[in-house]
Amino acid sequence: RRAAAAGEERKRVAAESAAAARQLEEGEAALRREQESHAATRCGLEERVQAGLQRLDAAEAAARAAKEAAAKEATAAAQAAKEAQEAQEAEARARARAQEEAAAAA
């Protein structure tokens, strides 16, 4: 009878050990899946951050180019205004000279 009870106890302990081993394996598998999921998420986040940084760099480059173009346009406009002013002054001098010559000839 004791031998039978001991045998039953061994079977129960073996079954509990097998169940604990299965639970451990399932836990380890779940942990691996969770780690892989986190790694994939982190990789996705890193890719999105990298893409965002690239868009930011492109936007900054575009802003610099626009600023340079605006500066060139402003310089050209200032030069054109200066040339127009000089032309008006030269025209006014020529008109005054013509009037002086006409007055002297009269």
C-alpha atoms as a PDB file:
ATOM      1  CA  ARG A   1       0.000   0.000   0.000  1.00  0.00           C
ATOM      2  CA  ARG A   2       2.815   2.431   0.862  1.00  0.00           C
ATOM      3  CA  ALA A   3       4.571   1.562  -2.377  1.00  0.00           C
ATOM      4  CA  ALA A   4       1.389   2.338  -4.288  1.00  0.00           C
ATOM      5  CA  ALA A   5       1.006   5.636  -2.432  1.00  0.00           C
ATOM      6  CA  ALA A   6       4.642   6.484  -3.133  1.00  0.00           C
ATOM      7  CA  GLY A   7       4.128   5.636  -6.791  1.00  0.00           C
ATOM      8  CA  GLU A   8       1.075   7.891  -6.933  1.00  0.00           C
ATOM      9  CA  GLU A   9       3.047  10.663  -5.232  1.00  0.00           C
ATOM     10  CA  ARG A  10       5.854  10.284  -7.791  1.00  0.00           C
ATOM     11  CA  LYS A  11       3.295  10.464 -10.628  1.00  0.00           C
ATOM     12  CA  ARG A  12       1.710  13.580  -9.098  1.00  0.00           C
ATOM     13  CA  VAL A  13       5.107  15.258  -8.643  1.00  0.00           C
ATOM     14  CA  ALA A  14       6.110  14.313 -12.206  1.00  0.00           C
ATOM     15  CA  ALA A  15       2.815  15.712 -13.548  1.00  0.00           C
ATOM     16  CA  GLU A  16       3.280  18.939 -11.558  1.00  0.00           C
ATOM     17  CA  SER A  17       6.864  19.220 -12.803  1.00  0.00           C
ATOM     18  CA  ALA A  18       5.742  18.694 -16.388  1.00  0.00           C
ATOM     19  CA  ALA A  19       2.997  21.307 -15.946  1.00  0.00           C
ATOM     20  CA  ALA A  20       5.488  23.768 -14.439  1.00  0.00           C
ATOM     21  CA  ALA A  21       7.930  23.109 -17.293  1.00  0.00           C
ATOM     22  CA  ARG A  22       5.136  23.743 -19.834  1.00  0.00           C
ATOM     23  CA  GLN A  23       4.180  26.964 -18.066  1.00  0.00           C
ATOM     24  CA  LEU A  24       7.823  28.055 -18.064  1.00  0.00           C
ATOM     25  CA  GLU A  25       8.164  27.317 -21.781  1.00  0.00           C
ATOM     26  CA  GLU A  26       4.921  29.181 -22.520  1.00  0.00           C
ATOM     27  CA  GLY A  27       6.111  32.132 -20.430  1.00  0.00           C
ATOM     28  CA  GLU A  28       9.472  32.191 -22.207  1.00  0.00           C
ATOM     29  CA  ALA A  29       7.733  32.020 -25.602  1.00  0.00           C
ATOM     30  CA  ALA A  30       5.399  34.859 -24.610  1.00  0.00           C
ATOM     31  CA  LEU A  31       8.385  36.895 -23.426  1.00  0.00           C
ATOM     32  CA  ARG A  32      10.200  36.285 -26.732  1.00  0.00           C
ATOM     33  CA  ARG A  33       7.103  37.353 -28.701  1.00  0.00           C
ATOM     34  CA  GLU A  34       6.775  40.468 -26.557  1.00  0.00           C
ATOM     35  CA  GLN A  35      10.468  41.330 -27.023  1.00  0.00           C
ATOM     36  CA  GLU A  36      10.177  40.844 -30.790  1.00  0.00           C
ATOM     37  CA  SER A  37       7.067  43.033 -30.842  1.00  0.00           C
ATOM     38  CA  HIS A  38       8.858  45.759 -28.871  1.00  0.00           C
ATOM     39  CA  ALA A  39      11.883  45.512 -31.158  1.00  0.00           C
ATOM     40  CA  ALA A  40       9.651  45.865 -34.224  1.00  0.00           C
ATOM     41  CA  THR A  41       7.842  48.813 -32.647  1.00  0.00           C
ATOM     42  CA  ARG A  42      11.138  50.476 -31.718  1.00  0.00           C
ATOM     43  CA  CYS A  43      12.444  49.883 -35.236  1.00  0.00           C
ATOM     44  CA  GLY A  44       9.263  51.413 -36.675  1.00  0.00           C
ATOM     45  CA  LEU A  45       9.558  54.402 -34.370  1.00  0.00           C
ATOM     46  CA  GLU A  46      13.211  54.890 -35.304  1.00  0.00           C
ATOM     47  CA  GLU A  47      12.277  54.794 -38.990  1.00  0.00           C
ATOM     48  CA  ARG A  48       9.536  57.383 -38.453  1.00  0.00           C
ATOM     49  CA  VAL A  49      11.906  59.619 -36.484  1.00  0.00           C
ATOM     50  CA  GLN A  50      14.514  59.304 -39.235  1.00  0.00           C
ATOM     51  CA  ALA A  51      11.916  60.145 -41.897  1.00  0.00           C
ATOM     52  CA  GLY A  52      10.778  63.126 -39.841  1.00  0.00           C
ATOM     53  CA  LEU A  53      14.352  64.373 -39.518  1.00  0.00           C
ATOM     54  CA  GLN A  54      14.836  64.026 -43.265  1.00  0.00           C
ATOM     55  CA  ARG A  55      11.644  66.025 -43.905  1.00  0.00           C
ATOM     56  CA  LEU A  56      12.872  68.660 -41.460  1.00  0.00           C
ATOM     57  CA  ASP A  57      16.240  68.871 -43.237  1.00  0.00           C
ATOM     58  CA  ALA A  58      14.469  69.232 -46.580  1.00  0.00           C
ATOM     59  CA  ALA A  59      12.182  71.952 -45.205  1.00  0.00           C
ATOM     60  CA  GLU A  60      15.160  73.831 -43.769  1.00  0.00           C
ATOM     61  CA  ALA A  61      16.993  73.603 -47.092  1.00  0.00           C
ATOM     62  CA  ALA A  62      13.905  74.871 -48.921  1.00  0.00           C
ATOM     63  CA  ALA A  63      13.568  77.749 -46.462  1.00  0.00           C
ATOM     64  CA  ARG A  64      17.243  78.667 -46.944  1.00  0.00           C
ATOM     65  CA  ALA A  65      16.834  78.574 -50.722  1.00  0.00           C
ATOM     66  CA  ALA A  66      13.698  80.744 -50.517  1.00  0.00           C
ATOM     67  CA  LYS A  67      15.493  83.212 -48.257  1.00  0.00           C
ATOM     68  CA  GLU A  68      18.446  83.409 -50.651  1.00  0.00           C
ATOM     69  CA  ALA A  69      16.102  83.891 -53.623  1.00  0.00           C
ATOM     70  CA  ALA A  70      14.219  86.637 -51.774  1.00  0.00           C
ATOM     71  CA  ALA A  71      17.511  88.363 -50.929  1.00  0.00           C
ATOM     72  CA  LYS A  72      18.589  88.222 -54.587  1.00  0.00           C
ATOM     73  CA  GLU A  73      15.222  89.603 -55.697  1.00  0.00           C
ATOM     74  CA  ALA A  74      15.445  92.410 -53.130  1.00  0.00           C
ATOM     75  CA  THR A  75      18.958  93.266 -54.329  1.00  0.00           C
ATOM     76  CA  ALA A  76      17.814  93.261 -57.959  1.00  0.00           C
ATOM     77  CA  ALA A  77      14.803  95.435 -57.096  1.00  0.00           C
ATOM     78  CA  ALA A  78      17.010  97.898 -55.214  1.00  0.00           C
ATOM     79  CA  GLN A  79      19.425  98.018 -58.162  1.00  0.00           C
ATOM     80  CA  ALA A  80      16.543  98.606 -60.601  1.00  0.00           C
ATOM     81  CA  ALA A  81      15.164 101.395 -58.389  1.00  0.00           C
ATOM     82  CA  LYS A  82      18.622 102.997 -58.217  1.00  0.00           C
ATOM     83  CA  GLU A  83      18.998 102.821 -62.007  1.00  0.00           C
ATOM     84  CA  ALA A  84      15.499 104.292 -62.503  1.00  0.00           C
ATOM     85  CA  GLN A  85      16.354 107.133 -60.124  1.00  0.00           C
ATOM     86  CA  GLU A  86      19.623 107.792 -61.979  1.00  0.00           C
ATOM     87  CA  ALA A  87      17.793 107.779 -65.297  1.00  0.00           C
ATOM     88  CA  GLN A  88      15.216 110.278 -63.989  1.00  0.00           C
ATOM     89  CA  GLU A  89      17.998 112.521 -62.697  1.00  0.00           C
ATOM     90  CA  ALA A  90      19.847 112.332 -66.027  1.00  0.00           C
ATOM     91  CA  GLU A  91      16.602 113.133 -67.868  1.00  0.00           C
ATOM     92  CA  ALA A  92      15.968 116.112 -65.575  1.00  0.00           C
ATOM     93  CA  ARG A  93      19.537 117.384 -66.187  1.00  0.00           C
ATOM     94  CA  ALA A  94      19.126 116.964 -69.939  1.00  0.00           C
ATOM     95  CA  ARG A  95      15.811 118.846 -69.852  1.00  0.00           C
ATOM     96  CA  ALA A  96      17.357 121.671 -67.798  1.00  0.00           C
ATOM     97  CA  ARG A  97      20.319 121.865 -70.197  1.00  0.00           C
ATOM     98  CA  ALA A  98      17.977 121.983 -73.196  1.00  0.00           C
ATOM     99  CA  GLN A  99      15.984 124.772 -71.552  1.00  0.00           C
ATOM    100  CA  GLU A 100      19.196 126.712 -70.821  1.00  0.00           C
ATOM    101  CA  GLU A 101      20.355 126.305 -74.422  1.00  0.00           C
ATOM    102  CA  ALA A 102      16.935 127.367 -75.727  1.00  0.00           C
ATOM    103  CA  ALA A 103      16.977 130.420 -73.434  1.00  0.00           C
ATOM    104  CA  ALA A 104      20.520 131.303 -74.552  1.00  0.00           C
ATOM    105  CA  ALA A 105      19.594 130.945 -78.212  1.00  0.00           C
ATOM    106  CA  ALA A 106      16.516 133.165 -77.839  1.00  0.00           C
END
